[in-house]
Amino acid sequence: MSAVENAAVNFSELVNKNKQTLARLNESPRLLLHRRDGEDLVLTTATRAEQDQTVVSAATRMLSAMARREPGSMELLLDILPDAFPWVRFLPEPDVHAFAVELVDTMRAADSIGNNASVAQMLIAWQHTAEVHSDPVLLAALSTDHGTDYGPAPDPRDIR
């Protein structure tokens, strides 16, 4: 197994053969634990998790500093976004700029609290926006004023 490939085992192996299973972390940076009754888990060492966070934090600080340095830096960021996120090609031009600003700001804020969940959610939301813009029929359906008020929407927490 290569150093960059993650090992995968059933959670029961960790419980039943914990020493052998944990030894696999010497061969792989992460161990994917499949569970029957819940979401899969990822096991890694504290050192590896700290290293990963250090790398993400450094990249975030560099991107943030670059984007704020001078006006030309934002244009560079806008130029490279389609390489990193090909789906931005479907966004209208003002939305590409808004995405770039929100990406840098959200990454910086998330890094300050050590939790990247908001970055992942923001990326997913923008990708869905691009998907809508990529489909003319869907875009028309979602952006057309149908002139009808369907009343208040139910609270989604009440729907189960």
N, C-alpha and C. Protein backbone atom coordinates (compact mmCIF):
# COMPACT_ATOMS: atom_id res chain seq x y z
N MET A 1 0.85 -1.18 0.00
CA MET A 1 0.00 0.00 0.00
C MET A 1 0.89 1.23 0.00
N SER A 2 0.59 2.18 -0.86
CA SER A 2 1.41 3.39 -0.95
C SER A 2 1.13 4.31 0.23
N ALA A 3 2.04 5.23 0.47
CA ALA A 3 1.92 6.14 1.61
C ALA A 3 0.75 7.11 1.46
N VAL A 4 0.29 7.36 0.23
CA VAL A 4 -0.80 8.32 0.04
C VAL A 4 -2.15 7.64 -0.06
N GLU A 5 -2.18 6.34 -0.10
CA GLU A 5 -3.44 5.62 -0.21
C GLU A 5 -3.99 5.35 1.19
N ASN A 6 -5.26 5.58 1.40
CA ASN A 6 -5.87 5.34 2.69
C ASN A 6 -6.36 3.91 2.79
N ALA A 7 -6.10 3.28 3.93
CA ALA A 7 -6.58 1.93 4.19
C ALA A 7 -8.04 2.01 4.61
N ALA A 8 -8.76 0.93 4.38
CA ALA A 8 -10.17 0.87 4.78
C ALA A 8 -10.44 -0.49 5.41
N VAL A 9 -11.15 -0.47 6.52
CA VAL A 9 -11.52 -1.69 7.22
C VAL A 9 -12.92 -1.51 7.79
N ASN A 10 -13.53 -2.60 8.17
CA ASN A 10 -14.79 -2.52 8.88
C ASN A 10 -14.52 -2.13 10.33
N PHE A 11 -15.42 -1.39 10.92
CA PHE A 11 -15.26 -0.92 12.29
C PHE A 11 -15.04 -2.10 13.24
N SER A 12 -15.69 -3.21 12.94
CA SER A 12 -15.56 -4.39 13.80
C SER A 12 -14.11 -4.88 13.88
N GLU A 13 -13.31 -4.66 12.82
CA GLU A 13 -11.90 -5.04 12.87
C GLU A 13 -11.16 -4.22 13.92
N LEU A 14 -11.49 -2.96 14.04
CA LEU A 14 -10.86 -2.13 15.06
C LEU A 14 -11.21 -2.65 16.44
N VAL A 15 -12.45 -3.06 16.63
CA VAL A 15 -12.89 -3.55 17.93
C VAL A 15 -12.28 -4.91 18.23
N ASN A 16 -12.28 -5.80 17.26
CA ASN A 16 -11.84 -7.18 17.48
C ASN A 16 -10.33 -7.39 17.35
N LYS A 17 -9.69 -6.63 16.53
CA LYS A 17 -8.25 -6.78 16.29
C LYS A 17 -7.61 -5.40 16.35
N ASN A 18 -7.72 -4.75 17.49
CA ASN A 18 -7.32 -3.36 17.58
C ASN A 18 -5.83 -3.14 17.32
N LYS A 19 -4.94 -3.97 17.82
CA LYS A 19 -3.51 -3.75 17.61
C LYS A 19 -3.14 -3.89 16.13
N GLN A 20 -3.63 -4.93 15.47
CA GLN A 20 -3.33 -5.13 14.06
C GLN A 20 -3.94 -4.01 13.20
N THR A 21 -5.14 -3.62 13.56
CA THR A 21 -5.82 -2.58 12.78
C THR A 21 -5.12 -1.24 12.95
N LEU A 22 -4.78 -0.89 14.19
CA LEU A 22 -4.09 0.38 14.43
C LEU A 22 -2.69 0.39 13.82
N ALA A 23 -2.07 -0.77 13.70
CA ALA A 23 -0.75 -0.85 13.07
C ALA A 23 -0.81 -0.42 11.61
N ARG A 24 -1.97 -0.51 10.99
CA ARG A 24 -2.12 -0.10 9.60
C ARG A 24 -1.92 1.40 9.41
N LEU A 25 -2.02 2.17 10.50
CA LEU A 25 -1.76 3.60 10.42
C LEU A 25 -0.27 3.88 10.15
N ASN A 26 0.59 2.88 10.33
CA ASN A 26 2.00 3.05 9.97
C ASN A 26 2.19 3.01 8.47
N GLU A 27 1.25 2.39 7.76
CA GLU A 27 1.33 2.25 6.31
C GLU A 27 0.50 3.28 5.57
N SER A 28 -0.44 3.88 6.25
CA SER A 28 -1.40 4.76 5.61
C SER A 28 -1.64 5.99 6.49
N PRO A 29 -1.84 7.17 5.87
CA PRO A 29 -2.05 8.37 6.68
C PRO A 29 -3.39 8.36 7.42
N ARG A 30 -4.34 7.63 6.89
CA ARG A 30 -5.67 7.59 7.48
C ARG A 30 -6.24 6.19 7.32
N LEU A 31 -7.14 5.86 8.23
CA LEU A 31 -7.81 4.58 8.18
C LEU A 31 -9.31 4.83 8.12
N LEU A 32 -9.92 4.42 7.04
CA LEU A 32 -11.36 4.59 6.86
C LEU A 32 -12.06 3.42 7.55
N LEU A 33 -12.93 3.72 8.48
CA LEU A 33 -13.65 2.71 9.23
C LEU A 33 -15.09 2.66 8.74
N HIS A 34 -15.45 1.57 8.07
CA HIS A 34 -16.82 1.40 7.58
C HIS A 34 -17.70 0.93 8.72
N ARG A 35 -18.85 1.60 8.86
CA ARG A 35 -19.81 1.20 9.90
C ARG A 35 -21.13 0.83 9.26
N ARG A 36 -21.78 -0.19 9.78
CA ARG A 36 -23.09 -0.59 9.26
C ARG A 36 -24.19 0.32 9.77
N ASP A 37 -24.04 0.83 10.98
CA ASP A 37 -25.13 1.56 11.62
C ASP A 37 -24.91 3.07 11.68
N GLY A 38 -24.00 3.57 10.87
CA GLY A 38 -23.77 5.01 10.91
C GLY A 38 -22.78 5.44 9.85
N GLU A 39 -22.48 6.70 9.88
CA GLU A 39 -21.54 7.27 8.92
C GLU A 39 -20.15 6.66 9.14
N ASP A 40 -19.43 6.43 8.06
CA ASP A 40 -18.06 5.94 8.16
C ASP A 40 -17.22 6.95 8.94
N LEU A 41 -16.17 6.45 9.57
CA LEU A 41 -15.27 7.29 10.34
C LEU A 41 -13.88 7.26 9.71
N VAL A 42 -13.10 8.29 9.99
CA VAL A 42 -11.72 8.33 9.55
C VAL A 42 -10.85 8.42 10.79
N LEU A 43 -9.89 7.52 10.89
CA LEU A 43 -8.98 7.49 12.02
C LEU A 43 -7.60 7.90 11.52
N THR A 44 -6.97 8.80 12.25
CA THR A 44 -5.62 9.22 11.92
C THR A 44 -4.90 9.51 13.23
N THR A 45 -3.63 9.77 13.16
CA THR A 45 -2.89 10.12 14.37
C THR A 45 -3.07 11.61 14.67
N ALA A 46 -2.86 11.98 15.91
CA ALA A 46 -2.96 13.39 16.29
C ALA A 46 -1.90 14.21 15.56
N THR A 47 -0.73 13.64 15.39
CA THR A 47 0.33 14.35 14.67
C THR A 47 -0.07 14.62 13.24
N ARG A 48 -0.64 13.61 12.57
CA ARG A 48 -1.06 13.76 11.17
C ARG A 48 -2.17 14.80 11.07
N ALA A 49 -3.14 14.77 11.98
CA ALA A 49 -4.23 15.74 11.95
C ALA A 49 -3.70 17.15 12.16
N GLU A 50 -2.74 17.30 13.06
CA GLU A 50 -2.13 18.60 13.32
C GLU A 50 -1.36 19.09 12.09
N GLN A 51 -0.65 18.18 11.42
CA GLN A 51 0.07 18.53 10.19
C GLN A 51 -0.91 18.98 9.11
N ASP A 52 -1.99 18.24 8.95
CA ASP A 52 -2.99 18.61 7.94
C ASP A 52 -3.56 20.00 8.22
N GLN A 53 -3.87 20.28 9.48
CA GLN A 53 -4.41 21.58 9.85
C GLN A 53 -3.39 22.69 9.61
N THR A 54 -2.12 22.40 9.87
CA THR A 54 -1.06 23.38 9.63
C THR A 54 -0.96 23.73 8.15
N VAL A 55 -1.06 22.71 7.29
CA VAL A 55 -0.98 22.94 5.85
C VAL A 55 -2.18 23.76 5.37
N VAL A 56 -3.38 23.40 5.81
CA VAL A 56 -4.58 24.13 5.40
C VAL A 56 -4.51 25.57 5.90
N SER A 57 -4.06 25.75 7.11
CA SER A 57 -3.95 27.10 7.68
C SER A 57 -2.93 27.94 6.91
N ALA A 58 -1.80 27.35 6.56
CA ALA A 58 -0.78 28.08 5.80
C ALA A 58 -1.31 28.47 4.42
N ALA A 59 -1.97 27.54 3.75
CA ALA A 59 -2.53 27.84 2.42
C ALA A 59 -3.59 28.93 2.52
N THR A 60 -4.40 28.88 3.55
CA THR A 60 -5.43 29.90 3.75
C THR A 60 -4.81 31.27 3.97
N ARG A 61 -3.81 31.34 4.83
CA ARG A 61 -3.16 32.63 5.10
C ARG A 61 -2.48 33.18 3.85
N MET A 62 -1.85 32.30 3.06
CA MET A 62 -1.20 32.75 1.83
C MET A 62 -2.23 33.27 0.82
N LEU A 63 -3.32 32.53 0.64
CA LEU A 63 -4.36 32.95 -0.30
C LEU A 63 -4.97 34.27 0.14
N SER A 64 -5.26 34.38 1.42
CA SER A 64 -5.85 35.61 1.95
C SER A 64 -4.92 36.80 1.77
N ALA A 65 -3.65 36.62 2.08
CA ALA A 65 -2.69 37.71 1.93
C ALA A 65 -2.53 38.09 0.46
N MET A 66 -2.48 37.10 -0.41
CA MET A 66 -2.34 37.38 -1.84
C MET A 66 -3.55 38.16 -2.36
N ALA A 67 -4.73 37.74 -1.97
CA ALA A 67 -5.96 38.38 -2.48
C ALA A 67 -6.10 39.82 -1.99
N ARG A 68 -5.55 40.12 -0.84
CA ARG A 68 -5.69 41.46 -0.27
C ARG A 68 -4.52 42.38 -0.55
N ARG A 69 -3.47 41.87 -1.13
CA ARG A 69 -2.23 42.63 -1.30
C ARG A 69 -2.42 43.84 -2.20
N GLU A 70 -2.97 43.63 -3.38
CA GLU A 70 -3.16 44.73 -4.33
C GLU A 70 -4.28 44.33 -5.29
N PRO A 71 -4.87 45.29 -5.98
CA PRO A 71 -5.99 44.98 -6.87
C PRO A 71 -5.66 43.91 -7.92
N GLY A 72 -4.46 43.91 -8.44
CA GLY A 72 -4.08 42.92 -9.45
C GLY A 72 -4.12 41.49 -8.93
N SER A 73 -3.96 41.33 -7.63
CA SER A 73 -3.98 39.99 -7.04
C SER A 73 -5.36 39.35 -7.15
N MET A 74 -6.40 40.15 -6.97
CA MET A 74 -7.75 39.61 -7.10
C MET A 74 -8.00 39.16 -8.53
N GLU A 75 -7.48 39.90 -9.50
CA GLU A 75 -7.64 39.48 -10.90
C GLU A 75 -6.93 38.15 -11.15
N LEU A 76 -5.77 37.97 -10.53
CA LEU A 76 -5.05 36.70 -10.65
C LEU A 76 -5.89 35.58 -10.05
N LEU A 77 -6.46 35.82 -8.90
CA LEU A 77 -7.33 34.81 -8.27
C LEU A 77 -8.51 34.49 -9.18
N LEU A 78 -9.12 35.51 -9.76
CA LEU A 78 -10.25 35.29 -10.66
C LEU A 78 -9.81 34.50 -11.90
N ASP A 79 -8.59 34.71 -12.35
CA ASP A 79 -8.07 33.97 -13.51
C ASP A 79 -7.85 32.50 -13.21
N ILE A 80 -7.42 32.18 -11.99
CA ILE A 80 -7.11 30.78 -11.68
C ILE A 80 -8.30 29.99 -11.14
N LEU A 81 -9.37 30.67 -10.75
CA LEU A 81 -10.53 29.96 -10.21
C LEU A 81 -11.07 28.88 -11.15
N PRO A 82 -11.19 29.13 -12.46
CA PRO A 82 -11.71 28.07 -13.34
C PRO A 82 -10.82 26.83 -13.39
N ASP A 83 -9.53 27.00 -13.11
CA ASP A 83 -8.66 25.82 -13.06
C ASP A 83 -8.93 25.00 -11.81
N ALA A 84 -9.14 25.69 -10.70
CA ALA A 84 -9.39 25.01 -9.43
C ALA A 84 -10.83 24.52 -9.31
N PHE A 85 -11.76 25.30 -9.83
CA PHE A 85 -13.19 24.99 -9.75
C PHE A 85 -13.80 25.18 -11.14
N PRO A 86 -13.71 24.18 -12.02
CA PRO A 86 -14.19 24.35 -13.40
C PRO A 86 -15.64 24.82 -13.51
N TRP A 87 -16.45 24.49 -12.53
CA TRP A 87 -17.86 24.86 -12.58
C TRP A 87 -18.10 26.36 -12.49
N VAL A 88 -17.10 27.18 -12.09
CA VAL A 88 -17.32 28.64 -12.02
C VAL A 88 -17.57 29.22 -13.40
N ARG A 89 -17.23 28.48 -14.45
CA ARG A 89 -17.48 28.97 -15.81
C ARG A 89 -18.97 29.18 -16.08
N PHE A 90 -19.83 28.53 -15.30
CA PHE A 90 -21.27 28.68 -15.48
C PHE A 90 -21.84 29.86 -14.70
N LEU A 91 -21.06 30.44 -13.81
CA LEU A 91 -21.55 31.56 -13.01
C LEU A 91 -21.48 32.85 -13.81
N PRO A 92 -22.45 33.73 -13.63
CA PRO A 92 -22.34 35.07 -14.24
C PRO A 92 -21.11 35.78 -13.66
N GLU A 93 -20.53 36.68 -14.42
CA GLU A 93 -19.30 37.37 -14.03
C GLU A 93 -19.36 37.99 -12.63
N PRO A 94 -20.43 38.70 -12.27
CA PRO A 94 -20.46 39.27 -10.91
C PRO A 94 -20.44 38.20 -9.82
N ASP A 95 -21.03 37.05 -10.12
CA ASP A 95 -21.04 35.96 -9.15
C ASP A 95 -19.66 35.33 -8.98
N VAL A 96 -18.87 35.30 -10.03
CA VAL A 96 -17.50 34.76 -9.92
C VAL A 96 -16.71 35.62 -8.94
N HIS A 97 -16.84 36.93 -9.07
CA HIS A 97 -16.14 37.83 -8.15
C HIS A 97 -16.67 37.66 -6.73
N ALA A 98 -17.98 37.56 -6.58
CA ALA A 98 -18.57 37.36 -5.25
C ALA A 98 -18.09 36.05 -4.64
N PHE A 99 -18.00 35.00 -5.46
CA PHE A 99 -17.51 33.70 -4.99
C PHE A 99 -16.07 33.83 -4.50
N ALA A 100 -15.23 34.51 -5.27
CA ALA A 100 -13.81 34.65 -4.89
C ALA A 100 -13.68 35.37 -3.55
N VAL A 101 -14.41 36.46 -3.38
CA VAL A 101 -14.36 37.21 -2.13
C VAL A 101 -14.87 36.36 -0.97
N GLU A 102 -15.99 35.68 -1.18
CA GLU A 102 -16.56 34.86 -0.11
C GLU A 102 -15.64 33.68 0.22
N LEU A 103 -15.00 33.11 -0.78
CA LEU A 103 -14.08 32.00 -0.54
C LEU A 103 -12.94 32.43 0.37
N VAL A 104 -12.29 33.53 0.03
CA VAL A 104 -11.17 34.01 0.83
C VAL A 104 -11.63 34.37 2.24
N ASP A 105 -12.72 35.10 2.35
CA ASP A 105 -13.22 35.53 3.67
C ASP A 105 -13.64 34.33 4.53
N THR A 106 -14.32 33.37 3.93
CA THR A 106 -14.78 32.21 4.69
C THR A 106 -13.61 31.33 5.11
N MET A 107 -12.64 31.15 4.21
CA MET A 107 -11.46 30.36 4.57
C MET A 107 -10.71 31.01 5.74
N ARG A 108 -10.58 32.31 5.68
CA ARG A 108 -9.87 33.04 6.74
C ARG A 108 -10.61 32.93 8.07
N ALA A 109 -11.93 33.10 8.04
CA ALA A 109 -12.72 33.00 9.27
C ALA A 109 -12.70 31.58 9.82
N ALA A 110 -12.84 30.59 8.94
CA ALA A 110 -12.84 29.19 9.37
C ALA A 110 -11.49 28.81 9.98
N ASP A 111 -10.41 29.29 9.37
CA ASP A 111 -9.08 29.01 9.90
C ASP A 111 -8.91 29.60 11.29
N SER A 112 -9.53 30.75 11.53
CA SER A 112 -9.37 31.41 12.84
C SER A 112 -10.00 30.60 13.96
N ILE A 113 -10.96 29.73 13.64
CA ILE A 113 -11.58 28.90 14.67
C ILE A 113 -11.22 27.42 14.52
N GLY A 114 -10.41 27.09 13.51
CA GLY A 114 -9.96 25.71 13.33
C GLY A 114 -11.05 24.74 12.91
N ASN A 115 -12.03 25.23 12.15
CA ASN A 115 -13.12 24.37 11.70
C ASN A 115 -13.47 24.74 10.26
N ASN A 116 -13.21 23.83 9.33
CA ASN A 116 -13.40 24.11 7.91
C ASN A 116 -14.77 23.72 7.37
N ALA A 117 -15.70 23.33 8.22
CA ALA A 117 -17.02 22.90 7.75
C ALA A 117 -17.72 24.00 6.97
N SER A 118 -17.57 25.24 7.40
CA SER A 118 -18.24 26.35 6.70
C SER A 118 -17.67 26.55 5.30
N VAL A 119 -16.40 26.26 5.10
CA VAL A 119 -15.80 26.38 3.77
C VAL A 119 -16.38 25.32 2.85
N ALA A 120 -16.46 24.10 3.35
CA ALA A 120 -17.04 23.02 2.55
C ALA A 120 -18.48 23.33 2.18
N GLN A 121 -19.27 23.82 3.12
CA GLN A 121 -20.67 24.16 2.85
C GLN A 121 -20.79 25.29 1.84
N MET A 122 -19.92 26.30 1.96
CA MET A 122 -19.94 27.43 1.03
C MET A 122 -19.60 26.96 -0.38
N LEU A 123 -18.60 26.09 -0.51
CA LEU A 123 -18.22 25.57 -1.83
C LEU A 123 -19.37 24.77 -2.46
N ILE A 124 -20.03 23.96 -1.66
CA ILE A 124 -21.16 23.17 -2.17
C ILE A 124 -22.29 24.10 -2.63
N ALA A 125 -22.57 25.13 -1.85
CA ALA A 125 -23.64 26.06 -2.22
C ALA A 125 -23.34 26.77 -3.54
N TRP A 126 -22.10 27.23 -3.70
CA TRP A 126 -21.74 27.90 -4.95
C TRP A 126 -21.75 26.93 -6.13
N GLN A 127 -21.34 25.70 -5.89
CA GLN A 127 -21.37 24.71 -6.98
C GLN A 127 -22.81 24.45 -7.41
N HIS A 128 -23.72 24.38 -6.46
CA HIS A 128 -25.14 24.20 -6.82
C HIS A 128 -25.67 25.40 -7.59
N THR A 129 -25.21 26.60 -7.23
CA THR A 129 -25.61 27.79 -7.97
C THR A 129 -25.12 27.69 -9.41
N ALA A 130 -23.90 27.23 -9.60
CA ALA A 130 -23.36 27.05 -10.95
C ALA A 130 -24.15 26.00 -11.72
N GLU A 131 -24.57 24.95 -11.04
CA GLU A 131 -25.38 23.91 -11.69
C GLU A 131 -26.69 24.49 -12.21
N VAL A 132 -27.32 25.36 -11.44
CA VAL A 132 -28.56 26.00 -11.88
C VAL A 132 -28.29 26.85 -13.11
N HIS A 133 -27.21 27.62 -13.08
CA HIS A 133 -26.89 28.48 -14.23
C HIS A 133 -26.49 27.68 -15.47
N SER A 134 -26.05 26.44 -15.28
CA SER A 134 -25.64 25.61 -16.42
C SER A 134 -26.83 25.02 -17.17
N ASP A 135 -28.00 25.04 -16.56
CA ASP A 135 -29.18 24.43 -17.15
C ASP A 135 -30.22 25.52 -17.43
N PRO A 136 -30.39 25.93 -18.70
CA PRO A 136 -31.31 27.03 -19.00
C PRO A 136 -32.75 26.77 -18.55
N VAL A 137 -33.19 25.54 -18.64
CA VAL A 137 -34.57 25.23 -18.23
C VAL A 137 -34.71 25.39 -16.72
N LEU A 138 -33.76 24.86 -15.98
CA LEU A 138 -33.80 24.99 -14.52
C LEU A 138 -33.65 26.44 -14.09
N LEU A 139 -32.74 27.17 -14.74
CA LEU A 139 -32.56 28.58 -14.41
C LEU A 139 -33.84 29.37 -14.64
N ALA A 140 -34.50 29.11 -15.76
CA ALA A 140 -35.75 29.81 -16.06
C ALA A 140 -36.82 29.46 -15.02
N ALA A 141 -36.91 28.19 -14.67
CA ALA A 141 -37.92 27.77 -13.69
C ALA A 141 -37.69 28.41 -12.33
N LEU A 142 -36.43 28.55 -11.96
CA LEU A 142 -36.12 29.10 -10.64
C LEU A 142 -36.06 30.62 -10.60
N SER A 143 -35.94 31.26 -11.74
CA SER A 143 -35.83 32.71 -11.75
C SER A 143 -37.05 33.43 -12.31
N THR A 144 -38.03 32.67 -12.77
CA THR A 144 -39.25 33.27 -13.32
C THR A 144 -40.21 33.61 -12.19
N ASP A 145 -40.77 34.80 -12.26
CA ASP A 145 -41.80 35.19 -11.31
C ASP A 145 -43.12 34.59 -11.79
N HIS A 146 -43.63 33.64 -11.05
CA HIS A 146 -44.86 32.96 -11.45
C HIS A 146 -46.11 33.73 -11.05
N GLY A 147 -45.93 34.83 -10.33
CA GLY A 147 -47.06 35.68 -9.98
C GLY A 147 -48.01 35.06 -8.98
N THR A 148 -47.64 33.96 -8.39
CA THR A 148 -48.51 33.29 -7.44
C THR A 148 -47.80 33.19 -6.10
N ASP A 149 -48.52 33.53 -5.05
CA ASP A 149 -47.98 33.36 -3.71
C ASP A 149 -48.53 32.06 -3.15
N TYR A 150 -47.65 31.16 -2.86
CA TYR A 150 -48.07 29.86 -2.35
C TYR A 150 -48.16 29.83 -0.83
N GLY A 151 -48.05 31.00 -0.22
CA GLY A 151 -48.18 31.08 1.23
C GLY A 151 -46.87 30.80 1.93
N PRO A 152 -46.93 30.84 3.25
CA PRO A 152 -45.70 30.63 4.00
C PRO A 152 -45.19 29.19 3.85
N ALA A 153 -43.91 29.06 3.80
CA ALA A 153 -43.30 27.74 3.73
C ALA A 153 -43.29 27.12 5.11
N PRO A 154 -43.52 25.82 5.20
CA PRO A 154 -43.49 25.17 6.51
C PRO A 154 -42.06 25.15 7.06
N ASP A 155 -41.96 25.19 8.36
CA ASP A 155 -40.66 25.11 9.02
C ASP A 155 -40.10 23.71 8.76
N PRO A 156 -38.93 23.60 8.14
CA PRO A 156 -38.39 22.28 7.82
C PRO A 156 -38.11 21.41 9.03
N ARG A 157 -37.96 22.03 10.20
CA ARG A 157 -37.74 21.24 11.42
C ARG A 157 -39.00 20.50 11.83
N ASP A 158 -40.17 20.96 11.33
CA ASP A 158 -41.44 20.31 11.68
C ASP A 158 -41.78 19.16 10.75
N ILE A 159 -41.05 19.05 9.65
CA ILE A 159 -41.31 17.99 8.66
C ILE A 159 -40.40 16.82 8.96
N ARG A 160 -40.99 15.74 9.32
CA ARG A 160 -40.18 14.53 9.63
C ARG A 160 -40.91 13.32 9.18
